[in-house]
Amino acid sequence: MILIGFGFLMTYLKTHSWTSVGLNYFVASWAIQVGILFYGFRGAVFNGFNKKISLDLASLVFGDLGAAAVLISFGAVIRKI
């Protein structure tokens, strides 16, 4: 839903529809990675400093939720501009 749904939701722009899909893929992939890192850093601070950031289902879900928040805000800004 994050990559396909929000990407093709932005195609209401008449002149930049495919650009918005490509930019959505870029922003979503970046936001998922940053969300996973922030989730790992938060876990390291509150659970004692561990040298590893685990990549499990919970961190992937939290990365997806962070990307959804970023893309919803991005869509609101693009729509208003």
N, C-alpha and C. Protein backbone atom coordinates (compact mmCIF):
# COMPACT_ATOMS: atom_id res chain seq x y z
N MET A 1 0.81 -1.18 0.00
CA MET A 1 0.00 0.00 0.00
C MET A 1 0.86 1.25 0.00
N ILE A 2 1.97 1.21 0.67
CA ILE A 2 2.81 2.39 0.76
C ILE A 2 3.38 2.74 -0.60
N LEU A 3 3.92 1.77 -1.30
CA LEU A 3 4.57 2.08 -2.57
C LEU A 3 3.57 2.26 -3.72
N ILE A 4 2.64 1.36 -3.86
CA ILE A 4 1.71 1.42 -4.98
C ILE A 4 0.56 2.39 -4.71
N GLY A 5 -0.07 2.26 -3.55
CA GLY A 5 -1.28 3.03 -3.25
C GLY A 5 -1.05 4.53 -3.22
N PHE A 6 -0.08 4.97 -2.44
CA PHE A 6 0.18 6.40 -2.37
C PHE A 6 0.79 6.93 -3.66
N GLY A 7 1.55 6.10 -4.35
CA GLY A 7 2.15 6.54 -5.60
C GLY A 7 1.13 6.86 -6.67
N PHE A 8 0.16 5.99 -6.84
CA PHE A 8 -0.84 6.25 -7.86
C PHE A 8 -1.99 7.12 -7.37
N LEU A 9 -2.02 7.39 -6.07
CA LEU A 9 -2.95 8.39 -5.55
C LEU A 9 -2.50 9.79 -5.97
N MET A 10 -1.21 9.97 -6.19
CA MET A 10 -0.67 11.28 -6.58
C MET A 10 -0.81 11.57 -8.08
N THR A 11 -1.44 10.70 -8.81
CA THR A 11 -1.54 10.92 -10.26
C THR A 11 -2.64 11.91 -10.63
N TYR A 12 -3.25 12.57 -9.65
CA TYR A 12 -4.23 13.61 -9.98
C TYR A 12 -3.55 14.85 -10.55
N LEU A 13 -2.24 14.97 -10.39
CA LEU A 13 -1.53 16.10 -11.00
C LEU A 13 -1.45 15.86 -12.50
N LYS A 14 -1.97 16.77 -13.28
CA LYS A 14 -2.07 16.54 -14.73
C LYS A 14 -0.71 16.55 -15.41
N THR A 15 0.16 17.44 -15.03
CA THR A 15 1.43 17.55 -15.75
C THR A 15 2.56 16.72 -15.13
N HIS A 16 2.44 16.40 -13.85
CA HIS A 16 3.53 15.70 -13.18
C HIS A 16 3.09 14.38 -12.57
N SER A 17 2.23 13.65 -13.25
CA SER A 17 1.69 12.43 -12.65
C SER A 17 2.76 11.35 -12.49
N TRP A 18 3.57 11.09 -13.52
CA TRP A 18 4.58 10.04 -13.41
C TRP A 18 5.75 10.49 -12.55
N THR A 19 6.01 11.78 -12.52
CA THR A 19 7.05 12.29 -11.63
C THR A 19 6.65 12.08 -10.18
N SER A 20 5.38 12.28 -9.88
CA SER A 20 4.93 12.08 -8.50
C SER A 20 5.01 10.62 -8.10
N VAL A 21 4.79 9.71 -9.02
CA VAL A 21 4.91 8.28 -8.70
C VAL A 21 6.37 7.95 -8.40
N GLY A 22 7.29 8.43 -9.20
CA GLY A 22 8.71 8.18 -8.97
C GLY A 22 9.21 8.82 -7.68
N LEU A 23 8.75 10.04 -7.42
CA LEU A 23 9.15 10.71 -6.19
C LEU A 23 8.55 10.01 -4.97
N ASN A 24 7.36 9.46 -5.13
CA ASN A 24 6.75 8.71 -4.04
C ASN A 24 7.57 7.46 -3.73
N TYR A 25 8.03 6.74 -4.74
CA TYR A 25 8.87 5.57 -4.51
C TYR A 25 10.15 5.95 -3.77
N PHE A 26 10.75 7.05 -4.18
CA PHE A 26 11.99 7.52 -3.55
C PHE A 26 11.75 7.90 -2.09
N VAL A 27 10.72 8.69 -1.82
CA VAL A 27 10.44 9.14 -0.46
C VAL A 27 10.02 7.96 0.42
N ALA A 28 9.24 7.03 -0.12
CA ALA A 28 8.80 5.87 0.66
C ALA A 28 9.99 4.98 1.04
N SER A 29 10.87 4.71 0.10
CA SER A 29 12.01 3.86 0.43
C SER A 29 12.94 4.53 1.44
N TRP A 30 13.12 5.84 1.30
CA TRP A 30 13.95 6.58 2.25
C TRP A 30 13.29 6.60 3.63
N ALA A 31 12.00 6.84 3.69
CA ALA A 31 11.30 6.95 4.97
C ALA A 31 11.24 5.59 5.68
N ILE A 32 11.10 4.51 4.95
CA ILE A 32 11.10 3.17 5.57
C ILE A 32 12.46 2.89 6.20
N GLN A 33 13.53 3.22 5.50
CA GLN A 33 14.87 2.98 6.04
C GLN A 33 15.14 3.84 7.27
N VAL A 34 14.75 5.11 7.21
CA VAL A 34 14.95 5.99 8.35
C VAL A 34 14.08 5.56 9.53
N GLY A 35 12.87 5.11 9.25
CA GLY A 35 11.99 4.62 10.32
C GLY A 35 12.57 3.41 11.02
N ILE A 36 13.15 2.50 10.26
CA ILE A 36 13.78 1.32 10.87
C ILE A 36 14.97 1.73 11.72
N LEU A 37 15.78 2.67 11.23
CA LEU A 37 16.92 3.13 12.00
C LEU A 37 16.49 3.84 13.28
N PHE A 38 15.49 4.72 13.19
CA PHE A 38 15.02 5.42 14.39
C PHE A 38 14.41 4.45 15.39
N TYR A 39 13.70 3.45 14.90
CA TYR A 39 13.14 2.43 15.80
C TYR A 39 14.27 1.68 16.50
N GLY A 40 15.31 1.36 15.78
CA GLY A 40 16.46 0.68 16.38
C GLY A 40 17.21 1.56 17.36
N PHE A 41 17.36 2.86 17.03
CA PHE A 41 18.03 3.77 17.94
C PHE A 41 17.22 3.98 19.22
N ARG A 42 15.90 4.06 19.08
CA ARG A 42 15.04 4.22 20.25
C ARG A 42 15.15 2.99 21.15
N GLY A 43 15.17 1.83 20.55
CA GLY A 43 15.33 0.61 21.33
C GLY A 43 16.68 0.54 22.01
N ALA A 44 17.70 1.07 21.35
CA ALA A 44 19.03 1.05 21.94
C ALA A 44 19.12 2.01 23.13
N VAL A 45 18.46 3.14 23.05
CA VAL A 45 18.53 4.11 24.13
C VAL A 45 17.74 3.63 25.35
N PHE A 46 16.54 3.09 25.14
CA PHE A 46 15.70 2.72 26.26
C PHE A 46 15.96 1.32 26.78
N ASN A 47 16.58 0.46 26.02
CA ASN A 47 16.83 -0.92 26.45
C ASN A 47 18.30 -1.21 26.69
N GLY A 48 19.10 -0.21 26.80
CA GLY A 48 20.53 -0.43 26.96
C GLY A 48 21.20 -0.46 25.60
N PHE A 49 22.36 0.08 25.52
CA PHE A 49 23.02 0.21 24.23
C PHE A 49 23.53 -1.13 23.74
N ASN A 50 22.94 -1.59 22.66
CA ASN A 50 23.33 -2.82 21.99
C ASN A 50 23.98 -2.40 20.68
N LYS A 51 24.93 -3.13 20.21
CA LYS A 51 25.63 -2.73 19.00
C LYS A 51 24.91 -3.13 17.72
N LYS A 52 23.79 -3.83 17.83
CA LYS A 52 23.08 -4.30 16.65
C LYS A 52 21.67 -3.73 16.61
N ILE A 53 21.24 -3.38 15.41
CA ILE A 53 19.85 -3.01 15.18
C ILE A 53 19.21 -4.19 14.47
N SER A 54 18.26 -4.81 15.11
CA SER A 54 17.66 -6.01 14.53
C SER A 54 16.68 -5.64 13.43
N LEU A 55 16.66 -6.44 12.42
CA LEU A 55 15.74 -6.27 11.31
C LEU A 55 14.74 -7.41 11.38
N ASP A 56 13.62 -7.15 12.05
CA ASP A 56 12.60 -8.15 12.20
C ASP A 56 11.26 -7.57 11.75
N LEU A 57 10.22 -8.34 11.93
CA LEU A 57 8.90 -7.91 11.46
C LEU A 57 8.42 -6.64 12.16
N ALA A 58 8.70 -6.52 13.43
CA ALA A 58 8.25 -5.32 14.16
C ALA A 58 8.92 -4.06 13.63
N SER A 59 10.21 -4.12 13.36
CA SER A 59 10.90 -2.93 12.84
C SER A 59 10.43 -2.59 11.43
N LEU A 60 10.12 -3.60 10.63
CA LEU A 60 9.59 -3.34 9.29
C LEU A 60 8.21 -2.69 9.34
N VAL A 61 7.38 -3.12 10.29
CA VAL A 61 6.06 -2.52 10.44
C VAL A 61 6.17 -1.08 10.90
N PHE A 62 7.05 -0.82 11.87
CA PHE A 62 7.23 0.55 12.33
C PHE A 62 7.83 1.43 11.25
N GLY A 63 8.70 0.89 10.41
CA GLY A 63 9.22 1.65 9.28
C GLY A 63 8.13 1.98 8.28
N ASP A 64 7.24 1.03 8.04
CA ASP A 64 6.10 1.26 7.14
C ASP A 64 5.15 2.31 7.69
N LEU A 65 4.87 2.26 8.97
CA LEU A 65 3.99 3.26 9.58
C LEU A 65 4.61 4.65 9.54
N GLY A 66 5.91 4.73 9.75
CA GLY A 66 6.59 6.02 9.63
C GLY A 66 6.54 6.55 8.21
N ALA A 67 6.71 5.67 7.24
CA ALA A 67 6.62 6.09 5.83
C ALA A 67 5.21 6.54 5.48
N ALA A 68 4.20 5.89 6.04
CA ALA A 68 2.82 6.31 5.78
C ALA A 68 2.58 7.72 6.30
N ALA A 69 3.09 8.03 7.49
CA ALA A 69 2.93 9.38 8.04
C ALA A 69 3.62 10.42 7.17
N VAL A 70 4.81 10.09 6.70
CA VAL A 70 5.55 11.02 5.84
C VAL A 70 4.82 11.22 4.52
N LEU A 71 4.30 10.16 3.92
CA LEU A 71 3.65 10.27 2.62
C LEU A 71 2.29 10.97 2.71
N ILE A 72 1.58 10.79 3.81
CA ILE A 72 0.33 11.51 3.98
C ILE A 72 0.60 13.00 4.11
N SER A 73 1.62 13.37 4.87
CA SER A 73 1.99 14.78 5.00
C SER A 73 2.48 15.34 3.67
N PHE A 74 3.25 14.53 2.95
CA PHE A 74 3.75 14.94 1.64
C PHE A 74 2.60 15.17 0.66
N GLY A 75 1.60 14.31 0.69
CA GLY A 75 0.45 14.47 -0.18
C GLY A 75 -0.36 15.71 0.14
N ALA A 76 -0.48 16.02 1.43
CA ALA A 76 -1.20 17.22 1.83
C ALA A 76 -0.48 18.48 1.37
N VAL A 77 0.84 18.48 1.46
CA VAL A 77 1.61 19.65 1.02
C VAL A 77 1.52 19.79 -0.49
N ILE A 78 1.67 18.70 -1.22
CA ILE A 78 1.60 18.75 -2.68
C ILE A 78 0.22 19.20 -3.14
N ARG A 79 -0.82 18.72 -2.51
CA ARG A 79 -2.18 19.08 -2.89
C ARG A 79 -2.44 20.57 -2.67
N LYS A 80 -1.90 21.11 -1.57
CA LYS A 80 -2.12 22.52 -1.28
C LYS A 80 -1.31 23.41 -2.22
N ILE A 81 -0.12 22.99 -2.58
CA ILE A 81 0.71 23.80 -3.48
C ILE A 81 0.17 23.74 -4.88
